[in-house]
Amino acid sequence: MSAWIKMINDDDADAELKKALNMAKTPHNTVDNVLRVHSLRPSTMKGHMVLYKSVLHDAKNTIPKWFQEIISSYVSILNNCTYSIENHWKNACHLIGNKKKTDKIENALKQKKPENVFDKKYSAILSYAEKLTISPNKMNKSDFEKLKKTGLTDGEILEANQIICYFNYVNRSINGLGVTTEGDIIGYYK
């Protein structure tokens, strides 16, 4: 079982769901369970896909793709979302391409000590991610100002914020519906 909720397979999909499933296909030409879990409501599948693509795969993003995947992985570690950790950590490793480096990063993230491996700018983003994930009600202007002091632009802060917010949304969806990677191809990249 790849989720607690019923998921409609391709053969039983109506026209609206088929359109959403086509939109949700990965580079592997499959639909991951994280999206298939929306099969009872194709409109939320389409909305999820649009949000995902705009947050992590927009050509105008300026945060490097490898670090976008680090943010994704860190939020997922904080939320204990195995599904997202497996997928996005694999993506980060692929994009970084250095096992020694990724082992050090993984260890730092699991210990909640990203400052051990990242410069001030990237550490500040991950500190912001941790606070926004664990204590969103305690966020204040000084959290934003700390990011600005590292040289981050408002656009980069918005990108980081949206990655963090997206992964808090998707981690809760996955964990709340018991979604697993069973049957998925792990990672975005071929």
N, C-alpha and C. Protein backbone atom coordinates (compact mmCIF):
# COMPACT_ATOMS: atom_id res chain seq x y z
N MET A 1 0.85 -1.19 0.00
CA MET A 1 0.00 0.00 0.00
C MET A 1 0.89 1.24 0.00
N SER A 2 0.65 2.15 -0.90
CA SER A 2 1.50 3.34 -1.01
C SER A 2 0.88 4.58 -0.38
N ALA A 3 -0.32 4.45 0.19
CA ALA A 3 -0.97 5.53 0.95
C ALA A 3 -2.18 4.95 1.67
N TRP A 4 -2.59 5.65 2.70
CA TRP A 4 -3.79 5.20 3.42
C TRP A 4 -5.05 5.51 2.64
N ILE A 5 -5.00 6.54 1.82
CA ILE A 5 -6.16 7.00 1.07
C ILE A 5 -6.23 6.28 -0.28
N LYS A 6 -7.42 6.12 -0.80
CA LYS A 6 -7.59 5.50 -2.12
C LYS A 6 -6.94 6.39 -3.17
N MET A 7 -6.21 5.73 -4.09
CA MET A 7 -5.62 6.44 -5.22
C MET A 7 -6.08 5.75 -6.50
N ILE A 8 -6.51 6.53 -7.45
CA ILE A 8 -7.04 6.01 -8.70
C ILE A 8 -5.88 5.74 -9.66
N ASN A 9 -5.87 4.56 -10.25
CA ASN A 9 -4.81 4.26 -11.22
C ASN A 9 -5.17 4.82 -12.59
N ASP A 10 -4.20 4.86 -13.47
CA ASP A 10 -4.38 5.47 -14.79
C ASP A 10 -5.53 4.85 -15.59
N ASP A 11 -5.67 3.53 -15.51
CA ASP A 11 -6.71 2.84 -16.28
C ASP A 11 -8.12 3.24 -15.87
N ASP A 12 -8.30 3.64 -14.62
CA ASP A 12 -9.63 4.01 -14.12
C ASP A 12 -9.88 5.51 -14.11
N ALA A 13 -8.93 6.28 -14.63
CA ALA A 13 -9.03 7.74 -14.59
C ALA A 13 -10.02 8.27 -15.63
N ASP A 14 -10.80 9.27 -15.22
CA ASP A 14 -11.67 9.95 -16.18
C ASP A 14 -10.82 10.99 -16.93
N ALA A 15 -11.44 11.72 -17.83
CA ALA A 15 -10.72 12.67 -18.69
C ALA A 15 -10.01 13.76 -17.87
N GLU A 16 -10.68 14.29 -16.85
CA GLU A 16 -10.08 15.34 -16.03
C GLU A 16 -8.85 14.82 -15.28
N LEU A 17 -8.97 13.63 -14.70
CA LEU A 17 -7.84 13.05 -13.98
C LEU A 17 -6.70 12.70 -14.93
N LYS A 18 -7.02 12.19 -16.12
CA LYS A 18 -5.97 11.87 -17.09
C LYS A 18 -5.16 13.11 -17.45
N LYS A 19 -5.84 14.23 -17.59
CA LYS A 19 -5.16 15.49 -17.91
C LYS A 19 -4.24 15.88 -16.75
N ALA A 20 -4.71 15.75 -15.53
CA ALA A 20 -3.90 16.08 -14.36
C ALA A 20 -2.72 15.12 -14.23
N LEU A 21 -2.94 13.84 -14.48
CA LEU A 21 -1.86 12.86 -14.40
C LEU A 21 -0.78 13.16 -15.45
N ASN A 22 -1.19 13.55 -16.64
CA ASN A 22 -0.22 13.91 -17.67
C ASN A 22 0.62 15.11 -17.24
N MET A 23 -0.02 16.07 -16.62
CA MET A 23 0.67 17.26 -16.13
C MET A 23 1.66 16.91 -15.01
N ALA A 24 1.36 15.86 -14.25
CA ALA A 24 2.15 15.49 -13.08
C ALA A 24 3.28 14.52 -13.38
N LYS A 25 3.46 14.13 -14.63
CA LYS A 25 4.50 13.14 -14.96
C LYS A 25 5.90 13.68 -14.67
N THR A 26 6.71 12.80 -14.14
CA THR A 26 8.10 13.12 -13.82
C THR A 26 8.96 12.97 -15.08
N PRO A 27 10.23 13.34 -15.01
CA PRO A 27 11.13 13.07 -16.15
C PRO A 27 11.25 11.56 -16.43
N HIS A 28 10.86 10.71 -15.48
CA HIS A 28 10.87 9.26 -15.67
C HIS A 28 9.59 8.78 -16.37
N ASN A 29 8.67 9.72 -16.67
CA ASN A 29 7.38 9.43 -17.30
C ASN A 29 6.45 8.63 -16.39
N THR A 30 6.57 8.89 -15.08
CA THR A 30 5.70 8.26 -14.08
C THR A 30 5.05 9.37 -13.26
N VAL A 31 4.07 8.99 -12.46
CA VAL A 31 3.44 9.94 -11.53
C VAL A 31 3.76 9.45 -10.12
N ASP A 32 4.49 10.28 -9.38
CA ASP A 32 4.86 9.92 -8.02
C ASP A 32 3.64 9.93 -7.10
N ASN A 33 3.73 9.13 -6.06
CA ASN A 33 2.63 9.02 -5.10
C ASN A 33 2.28 10.35 -4.44
N VAL A 34 3.26 11.24 -4.27
CA VAL A 34 3.01 12.54 -3.66
C VAL A 34 1.96 13.32 -4.46
N LEU A 35 1.88 13.07 -5.75
CA LEU A 35 0.87 13.72 -6.59
C LEU A 35 -0.33 12.82 -6.82
N ARG A 36 -0.08 11.53 -7.00
CA ARG A 36 -1.18 10.60 -7.23
C ARG A 36 -2.15 10.58 -6.05
N VAL A 37 -1.67 10.93 -4.86
CA VAL A 37 -2.53 10.95 -3.68
C VAL A 37 -3.70 11.93 -3.86
N HIS A 38 -3.56 12.85 -4.80
CA HIS A 38 -4.63 13.82 -5.11
C HIS A 38 -5.64 13.29 -6.13
N SER A 39 -5.53 12.03 -6.53
CA SER A 39 -6.32 11.54 -7.66
C SER A 39 -7.83 11.64 -7.47
N LEU A 40 -8.29 11.67 -6.23
CA LEU A 40 -9.72 11.84 -6.00
C LEU A 40 -10.19 13.27 -6.25
N ARG A 41 -9.23 14.20 -6.29
CA ARG A 41 -9.52 15.62 -6.54
C ARG A 41 -8.47 16.17 -7.51
N PRO A 42 -8.66 15.94 -8.82
CA PRO A 42 -7.66 16.37 -9.80
C PRO A 42 -7.30 17.86 -9.72
N SER A 43 -8.23 18.68 -9.27
CA SER A 43 -7.92 20.11 -9.18
C SER A 43 -6.81 20.37 -8.17
N THR A 44 -6.77 19.62 -7.07
CA THR A 44 -5.68 19.83 -6.11
C THR A 44 -4.37 19.25 -6.64
N MET A 45 -4.46 18.19 -7.46
CA MET A 45 -3.25 17.65 -8.09
C MET A 45 -2.64 18.71 -9.01
N LYS A 46 -3.49 19.35 -9.83
CA LYS A 46 -3.00 20.38 -10.73
C LYS A 46 -2.42 21.56 -9.96
N GLY A 47 -3.12 21.98 -8.90
CA GLY A 47 -2.62 23.08 -8.08
C GLY A 47 -1.30 22.75 -7.43
N HIS A 48 -1.19 21.53 -6.92
CA HIS A 48 0.05 21.08 -6.28
C HIS A 48 1.19 21.12 -7.30
N MET A 49 0.94 20.62 -8.50
CA MET A 49 1.98 20.56 -9.52
C MET A 49 2.44 21.96 -9.92
N VAL A 50 1.51 22.88 -10.08
CA VAL A 50 1.87 24.26 -10.45
C VAL A 50 2.73 24.87 -9.34
N LEU A 51 2.34 24.67 -8.10
CA LEU A 51 3.10 25.21 -6.98
C LEU A 51 4.50 24.59 -6.94
N TYR A 52 4.58 23.28 -7.05
CA TYR A 52 5.87 22.58 -7.03
C TYR A 52 6.81 23.11 -8.11
N LYS A 53 6.32 23.20 -9.33
CA LYS A 53 7.15 23.66 -10.45
C LYS A 53 7.60 25.10 -10.25
N SER A 54 6.72 25.96 -9.74
CA SER A 54 7.09 27.36 -9.56
C SER A 54 8.08 27.55 -8.42
N VAL A 55 8.01 26.70 -7.42
CA VAL A 55 8.89 26.82 -6.26
C VAL A 55 10.27 26.22 -6.54
N LEU A 56 10.33 25.05 -7.15
CA LEU A 56 11.62 24.36 -7.31
C LEU A 56 12.16 24.30 -8.74
N HIS A 57 11.37 24.56 -9.73
CA HIS A 57 11.86 24.37 -11.09
C HIS A 57 11.60 25.56 -12.00
N ASP A 58 11.57 26.75 -11.42
CA ASP A 58 11.39 27.95 -12.22
C ASP A 58 12.75 28.45 -12.69
N ALA A 59 12.90 28.68 -13.97
CA ALA A 59 14.18 29.11 -14.54
C ALA A 59 14.63 30.46 -13.99
N LYS A 60 13.71 31.24 -13.44
CA LYS A 60 14.06 32.57 -12.92
C LYS A 60 14.57 32.52 -11.47
N ASN A 61 14.46 31.37 -10.81
CA ASN A 61 14.99 31.27 -9.45
C ASN A 61 16.50 31.52 -9.48
N THR A 62 17.01 32.20 -8.44
CA THR A 62 18.44 32.49 -8.39
C THR A 62 19.18 31.69 -7.33
N ILE A 63 18.48 31.10 -6.38
CA ILE A 63 19.13 30.20 -5.43
C ILE A 63 19.53 28.96 -6.23
N PRO A 64 20.79 28.53 -6.13
CA PRO A 64 21.22 27.36 -6.90
C PRO A 64 20.34 26.14 -6.63
N LYS A 65 20.10 25.36 -7.67
CA LYS A 65 19.23 24.18 -7.55
C LYS A 65 19.69 23.24 -6.44
N TRP A 66 21.00 23.04 -6.32
CA TRP A 66 21.50 22.13 -5.28
C TRP A 66 21.11 22.64 -3.89
N PHE A 67 21.14 23.96 -3.71
CA PHE A 67 20.80 24.48 -2.38
C PHE A 67 19.28 24.50 -2.18
N GLN A 68 18.52 24.65 -3.25
CA GLN A 68 17.07 24.51 -3.13
C GLN A 68 16.74 23.12 -2.59
N GLU A 69 17.46 22.11 -3.07
CA GLU A 69 17.24 20.74 -2.60
C GLU A 69 17.72 20.55 -1.16
N ILE A 70 18.75 21.30 -0.75
CA ILE A 70 19.20 21.26 0.65
C ILE A 70 18.11 21.84 1.54
N ILE A 71 17.54 22.97 1.16
CA ILE A 71 16.44 23.57 1.94
C ILE A 71 15.29 22.57 2.04
N SER A 72 14.93 21.98 0.91
CA SER A 72 13.84 20.99 0.86
C SER A 72 14.12 19.83 1.81
N SER A 73 15.34 19.34 1.77
CA SER A 73 15.73 18.21 2.62
C SER A 73 15.71 18.59 4.09
N TYR A 74 16.21 19.79 4.41
CA TYR A 74 16.27 20.20 5.81
C TYR A 74 14.87 20.35 6.41
N VAL A 75 13.98 20.99 5.69
CA VAL A 75 12.59 21.11 6.17
C VAL A 75 11.99 19.72 6.37
N SER A 76 12.25 18.83 5.44
CA SER A 76 11.71 17.46 5.53
C SER A 76 12.33 16.69 6.70
N ILE A 77 13.60 16.93 6.99
CA ILE A 77 14.23 16.33 8.17
C ILE A 77 13.55 16.86 9.43
N LEU A 78 13.34 18.16 9.48
CA LEU A 78 12.70 18.77 10.66
C LEU A 78 11.29 18.23 10.87
N ASN A 79 10.60 17.93 9.77
CA ASN A 79 9.23 17.40 9.83
C ASN A 79 9.19 15.87 9.88
N ASN A 80 10.34 15.24 9.85
CA ASN A 80 10.43 13.78 9.84
C ASN A 80 9.55 13.18 8.73
N CYS A 81 9.71 13.72 7.53
CA CYS A 81 8.96 13.25 6.37
C CYS A 81 9.88 12.40 5.49
N THR A 82 9.87 11.11 5.74
CA THR A 82 10.76 10.17 5.06
C THR A 82 10.62 10.26 3.54
N TYR A 83 9.41 10.37 3.05
CA TYR A 83 9.16 10.43 1.61
C TYR A 83 9.97 11.56 0.97
N SER A 84 9.82 12.77 1.50
CA SER A 84 10.50 13.93 0.92
C SER A 84 12.01 13.87 1.16
N ILE A 85 12.41 13.37 2.31
CA ILE A 85 13.85 13.24 2.58
C ILE A 85 14.48 12.34 1.52
N GLU A 86 13.89 11.17 1.28
CA GLU A 86 14.45 10.23 0.31
C GLU A 86 14.59 10.87 -1.07
N ASN A 87 13.53 11.53 -1.51
CA ASN A 87 13.54 12.10 -2.85
C ASN A 87 14.46 13.31 -2.97
N HIS A 88 14.33 14.25 -2.07
CA HIS A 88 15.05 15.51 -2.22
C HIS A 88 16.50 15.43 -1.77
N TRP A 89 16.80 14.52 -0.86
CA TRP A 89 18.20 14.32 -0.52
C TRP A 89 18.92 13.66 -1.70
N LYS A 90 18.25 12.73 -2.38
CA LYS A 90 18.85 12.11 -3.58
C LYS A 90 19.11 13.18 -4.64
N ASN A 91 18.17 14.10 -4.80
CA ASN A 91 18.35 15.20 -5.76
C ASN A 91 19.55 16.06 -5.37
N ALA A 92 19.66 16.41 -4.09
CA ALA A 92 20.79 17.22 -3.63
C ALA A 92 22.11 16.51 -3.90
N CYS A 93 22.17 15.24 -3.58
CA CYS A 93 23.40 14.46 -3.81
C CYS A 93 23.77 14.44 -5.28
N HIS A 94 22.76 14.25 -6.13
CA HIS A 94 22.99 14.23 -7.57
C HIS A 94 23.55 15.58 -8.04
N LEU A 95 22.95 16.66 -7.59
CA LEU A 95 23.36 17.99 -8.05
C LEU A 95 24.71 18.41 -7.49
N ILE A 96 25.03 18.00 -6.27
CA ILE A 96 26.32 18.34 -5.66
C ILE A 96 27.42 17.47 -6.26
N GLY A 97 27.14 16.19 -6.43
CA GLY A 97 28.07 15.30 -7.10
C GLY A 97 29.37 15.01 -6.36
N ASN A 98 29.34 15.09 -5.04
CA ASN A 98 30.55 14.84 -4.24
C ASN A 98 30.13 14.15 -2.95
N LYS A 99 30.33 12.84 -2.88
CA LYS A 99 29.85 12.04 -1.75
C LYS A 99 30.43 12.50 -0.42
N LYS A 100 31.69 12.81 -0.39
CA LYS A 100 32.32 13.27 0.85
C LYS A 100 31.63 14.54 1.37
N LYS A 101 31.38 15.46 0.45
CA LYS A 101 30.71 16.72 0.81
C LYS A 101 29.26 16.47 1.26
N THR A 102 28.54 15.63 0.53
CA THR A 102 27.14 15.40 0.90
C THR A 102 27.03 14.64 2.22
N ASP A 103 27.99 13.77 2.51
CA ASP A 103 27.98 13.08 3.81
C ASP A 103 28.14 14.09 4.96
N LYS A 104 29.03 15.06 4.78
CA LYS A 104 29.24 16.10 5.81
C LYS A 104 27.97 16.95 5.97
N ILE A 105 27.38 17.31 4.84
CA ILE A 105 26.16 18.13 4.88
C ILE A 105 25.03 17.36 5.56
N GLU A 106 24.85 16.11 5.18
CA GLU A 106 23.78 15.29 5.77
C GLU A 106 23.95 15.19 7.29
N ASN A 107 25.15 14.96 7.73
CA ASN A 107 25.43 14.86 9.16
C ASN A 107 25.09 16.17 9.87
N ALA A 108 25.49 17.30 9.29
CA ALA A 108 25.20 18.62 9.89
C ALA A 108 23.70 18.88 9.96
N LEU A 109 22.97 18.52 8.90
CA LEU A 109 21.53 18.75 8.88
C LEU A 109 20.82 17.89 9.92
N LYS A 110 21.22 16.64 10.02
CA LYS A 110 20.60 15.74 11.00
C LYS A 110 20.87 16.20 12.43
N GLN A 111 22.02 16.85 12.64
CA GLN A 111 22.35 17.37 13.97
C GLN A 111 21.78 18.77 14.21
N LYS A 112 21.09 19.32 13.21
CA LYS A 112 20.56 20.69 13.24
C LYS A 112 21.69 21.69 13.47
N LYS A 113 22.79 21.47 12.77
CA LYS A 113 23.95 22.35 12.85
C LYS A 113 24.46 22.69 11.45
N PRO A 114 23.60 23.29 10.62
CA PRO A 114 24.04 23.60 9.25
C PRO A 114 25.21 24.58 9.20
N GLU A 115 25.38 25.37 10.27
CA GLU A 115 26.49 26.32 10.30
C GLU A 115 27.86 25.61 10.29
N ASN A 116 27.87 24.31 10.56
CA ASN A 116 29.13 23.56 10.52
C ASN A 116 29.64 23.33 9.10
N VAL A 117 28.77 23.49 8.12
CA VAL A 117 29.18 23.21 6.73
C VAL A 117 28.86 24.31 5.73
N PHE A 118 28.06 25.29 6.13
CA PHE A 118 27.65 26.34 5.20
C PHE A 118 28.15 27.71 5.63
N ASP A 119 28.30 28.60 4.66
CA ASP A 119 28.68 29.98 4.95
C ASP A 119 27.51 30.71 5.62
N LYS A 120 27.74 31.96 5.99
CA LYS A 120 26.73 32.74 6.72
C LYS A 120 25.41 32.85 5.97
N LYS A 121 25.50 33.08 4.67
CA LYS A 121 24.28 33.25 3.87
C LYS A 121 23.42 31.99 3.89
N TYR A 122 24.02 30.86 3.56
CA TYR A 122 23.26 29.61 3.51
C TYR A 122 22.86 29.14 4.91
N SER A 123 23.71 29.36 5.89
CA SER A 123 23.35 29.01 7.28
C SER A 123 22.15 29.82 7.74
N ALA A 124 22.14 31.11 7.36
CA ALA A 124 21.02 31.97 7.76
C ALA A 124 19.71 31.48 7.15
N ILE A 125 19.75 31.05 5.89
CA ILE A 125 18.54 30.52 5.26
C ILE A 125 18.05 29.29 6.02
N LEU A 126 18.97 28.39 6.36
CA LEU A 126 18.57 27.16 7.05
C LEU A 126 18.12 27.42 8.48
N SER A 127 18.67 28.42 9.13
CA SER A 127 18.20 28.82 10.46
C SER A 127 16.78 29.38 10.36
N TYR A 128 16.56 30.19 9.35
CA TYR A 128 15.23 30.74 9.07
C TYR A 128 14.25 29.60 8.79
N ALA A 129 14.69 28.61 8.00
CA ALA A 129 13.85 27.45 7.67
C ALA A 129 13.46 26.70 8.93
N GLU A 130 14.42 26.52 9.82
CA GLU A 130 14.15 25.79 11.06
C GLU A 130 13.11 26.52 11.92
N LYS A 131 13.30 27.81 12.08
CA LYS A 131 12.36 28.57 12.92
C LYS A 131 10.97 28.62 12.27
N LEU A 132 10.92 28.86 10.97
CA LEU A 132 9.62 28.93 10.29
C LEU A 132 8.90 27.59 10.31
N THR A 133 9.64 26.50 10.30
CA THR A 133 9.05 25.16 10.32
C THR A 133 8.60 24.77 11.73
N ILE A 134 9.44 25.02 12.72
CA ILE A 134 9.16 24.54 14.07
C ILE A 134 8.35 25.54 14.90
N SER A 135 8.61 26.83 14.71
CA SER A 135 7.94 27.86 15.53
C SER A 135 7.45 29.02 14.67
N PRO A 136 6.56 28.76 13.73
CA PRO A 136 6.14 29.83 12.82
C PRO A 136 5.50 31.03 13.53
N ASN A 137 4.89 30.79 14.67
CA ASN A 137 4.25 31.88 15.41
C ASN A 137 5.27 32.81 16.08
N LYS A 138 6.53 32.42 16.10
CA LYS A 138 7.56 33.24 16.74
C LYS A 138 8.39 34.03 15.73
N MET A 139 8.01 33.97 14.47
CA MET A 139 8.74 34.73 13.44
C MET A 139 8.53 36.21 13.67
N ASN A 140 9.57 37.00 13.42
CA ASN A 140 9.44 38.45 13.53
C ASN A 140 10.35 39.13 12.52
N LYS A 141 10.29 40.44 12.46
CA LYS A 141 11.03 41.20 11.46
C LYS A 141 12.54 40.96 11.56
N SER A 142 13.03 40.74 12.75
CA SER A 142 14.49 40.52 12.91
C SER A 142 14.95 39.26 12.17
N ASP A 143 14.07 38.26 12.03
CA ASP A 143 14.41 37.05 11.27
C ASP A 143 14.67 37.40 9.80
N PHE A 144 13.84 38.28 9.27
CA PHE A 144 14.00 38.76 7.90
C PHE A 144 15.27 39.60 7.79
N GLU A 145 15.48 40.48 8.76
CA GLU A 145 16.64 41.38 8.73
C GLU A 145 17.96 40.60 8.81
N LYS A 146 17.99 39.49 9.54
CA LYS A 146 19.19 38.64 9.59
C LYS A 146 19.55 38.13 8.20
N LEU A 147 18.53 37.78 7.44
CA LEU A 147 18.76 37.30 6.08
C LEU A 147 19.32 38.42 5.20
N LYS A 148 18.75 39.60 5.34
CA LYS A 148 19.20 40.76 4.55
C LYS A 148 20.66 41.09 4.85
N LYS A 149 21.06 40.97 6.12
CA LYS A 149 22.44 41.30 6.51
C LYS A 149 23.47 40.37 5.89
N THR A 150 23.05 39.21 5.45
CA THR A 150 23.99 38.27 4.81
C THR A 150 24.17 38.59 3.33
N GLY A 151 23.41 39.55 2.83
CA GLY A 151 23.51 39.91 1.42
C GLY A 151 22.43 39.31 0.54
N LEU A 152 21.50 38.58 1.14
CA LEU A 152 20.40 38.02 0.36
C LEU A 152 19.48 39.13 -0.14
N THR A 153 19.03 39.00 -1.37
CA THR A 153 18.06 39.96 -1.91
C THR A 153 16.67 39.57 -1.45
N ASP A 154 15.74 40.49 -1.58
CA ASP A 154 14.35 40.18 -1.25
C ASP A 154 13.84 39.02 -2.11
N GLY A 155 14.25 38.98 -3.38
CA GLY A 155 13.83 37.89 -4.27
C GLY A 155 14.34 36.55 -3.79
N GLU A 156 15.59 36.49 -3.35
CA GLU A 156 16.15 35.23 -2.83
C GLU A 156 15.45 34.82 -1.53
N ILE A 157 15.14 35.81 -0.71
CA ILE A 157 14.43 35.50 0.55
C ILE A 157 13.05 34.94 0.23
N LEU A 158 12.38 35.53 -0.76
CA LEU A 158 11.07 35.02 -1.17
C LEU A 158 11.19 33.59 -1.70
N GLU A 159 12.20 33.32 -2.53
CA GLU A 159 12.40 31.96 -3.04
C GLU A 159 12.57 30.97 -1.89
N ALA A 160 13.46 31.31 -0.94
CA ALA A 160 13.71 30.43 0.20
C ALA A 160 12.42 30.24 1.00
N ASN A 161 11.73 31.33 1.26
CA ASN A 161 10.47 31.27 2.02
C ASN A 161 9.47 30.34 1.35
N GLN A 162 9.35 30.42 0.04
CA GLN A 162 8.36 29.60 -0.66
C GLN A 162 8.76 28.13 -0.68
N ILE A 163 10.06 27.84 -0.77
CA ILE A 163 10.51 26.44 -0.68
C ILE A 163 10.17 25.89 0.70
N ILE A 164 10.46 26.67 1.73
CA ILE A 164 10.17 26.25 3.11
C ILE A 164 8.68 26.03 3.30
N CYS A 165 7.88 26.98 2.86
CA CYS A 165 6.42 26.87 3.01
C CYS A 165 5.87 25.69 2.21
N TYR A 166 6.35 25.52 0.98
CA TYR A 166 5.88 24.40 0.16
C TYR A 166 6.18 23.07 0.86
N PHE A 167 7.40 22.91 1.37
CA PHE A 167 7.74 21.63 1.98
C PHE A 167 7.01 21.41 3.30
N ASN A 168 6.68 22.45 4.01
CA ASN A 168 5.84 22.25 5.19
C ASN A 168 4.46 21.78 4.77
N TYR A 169 3.93 22.34 3.70
CA TYR A 169 2.64 21.89 3.17
C TYR A 169 2.71 20.43 2.72
N VAL A 170 3.68 20.12 1.86
CA VAL A 170 3.72 18.78 1.27
C VAL A 170 4.10 17.73 2.31
N ASN A 171 4.99 18.05 3.26
CA ASN A 171 5.33 17.09 4.31
C ASN A 171 4.11 16.73 5.13
N ARG A 172 3.28 17.70 5.43
CA ARG A 172 2.07 17.44 6.21
C ARG A 172 1.05 16.64 5.41
N SER A 173 0.97 16.91 4.12
CA SER A 173 0.08 16.13 3.25
C SER A 173 0.53 14.67 3.20
N ILE A 174 1.82 14.47 2.97
CA ILE A 174 2.38 13.12 2.88
C ILE A 174 2.21 12.36 4.20
N ASN A 175 2.65 12.98 5.29
CA ASN A 175 2.57 12.32 6.59
C ASN A 175 1.12 12.09 7.02
N GLY A 176 0.24 13.02 6.69
CA GLY A 176 -1.16 12.93 7.09
C GLY A 176 -1.97 11.90 6.32
N LEU A 177 -1.48 11.53 5.14
CA LEU A 177 -2.19 10.53 4.32
C LEU A 177 -1.41 9.23 4.17
N GLY A 178 -0.29 9.12 4.89
CA GLY A 178 0.49 7.88 4.89
C GLY A 178 1.10 7.54 3.55
N VAL A 179 1.53 8.55 2.80
CA VAL A 179 2.10 8.32 1.47
C VAL A 179 3.51 7.74 1.61
N THR A 180 3.78 6.69 0.85
CA THR A 180 5.11 6.06 0.83
C THR A 180 5.70 6.15 -0.57
N THR A 181 6.95 5.78 -0.69
CA THR A 181 7.62 5.77 -1.99
C THR A 181 7.40 4.45 -2.74
N GLU A 182 6.60 3.56 -2.19
CA GLU A 182 6.35 2.27 -2.84
C GLU A 182 5.88 2.47 -4.27
N GLY A 183 6.63 1.93 -5.21
CA GLY A 183 6.29 2.04 -6.63
C GLY A 183 6.84 3.28 -7.31
N ASP A 184 7.37 4.23 -6.56
CA ASP A 184 7.95 5.45 -7.13
C ASP A 184 9.39 5.20 -7.57
N ILE A 185 9.86 6.01 -8.48
CA ILE A 185 11.28 6.09 -8.79
C ILE A 185 11.80 7.25 -7.96
N ILE A 186 12.74 6.97 -7.06
CA ILE A 186 13.22 7.98 -6.11
C ILE A 186 14.09 9.00 -6.83
N GLY A 187 13.81 10.27 -6.60
CA GLY A 187 14.58 11.37 -7.18
C GLY A 187 14.00 11.86 -8.48
N TYR A 188 14.24 13.14 -8.74
CA TYR A 188 13.71 13.80 -9.91
C TYR A 188 14.54 13.54 -11.16
N TYR A 189 15.84 13.41 -10.98
CA TYR A 189 16.76 13.36 -12.11
C TYR A 189 16.97 11.94 -12.61
N LYS A 190 17.09 11.80 -13.93
CA LYS A 190 17.32 10.49 -14.54
C LYS A 190 18.76 10.09 -14.35
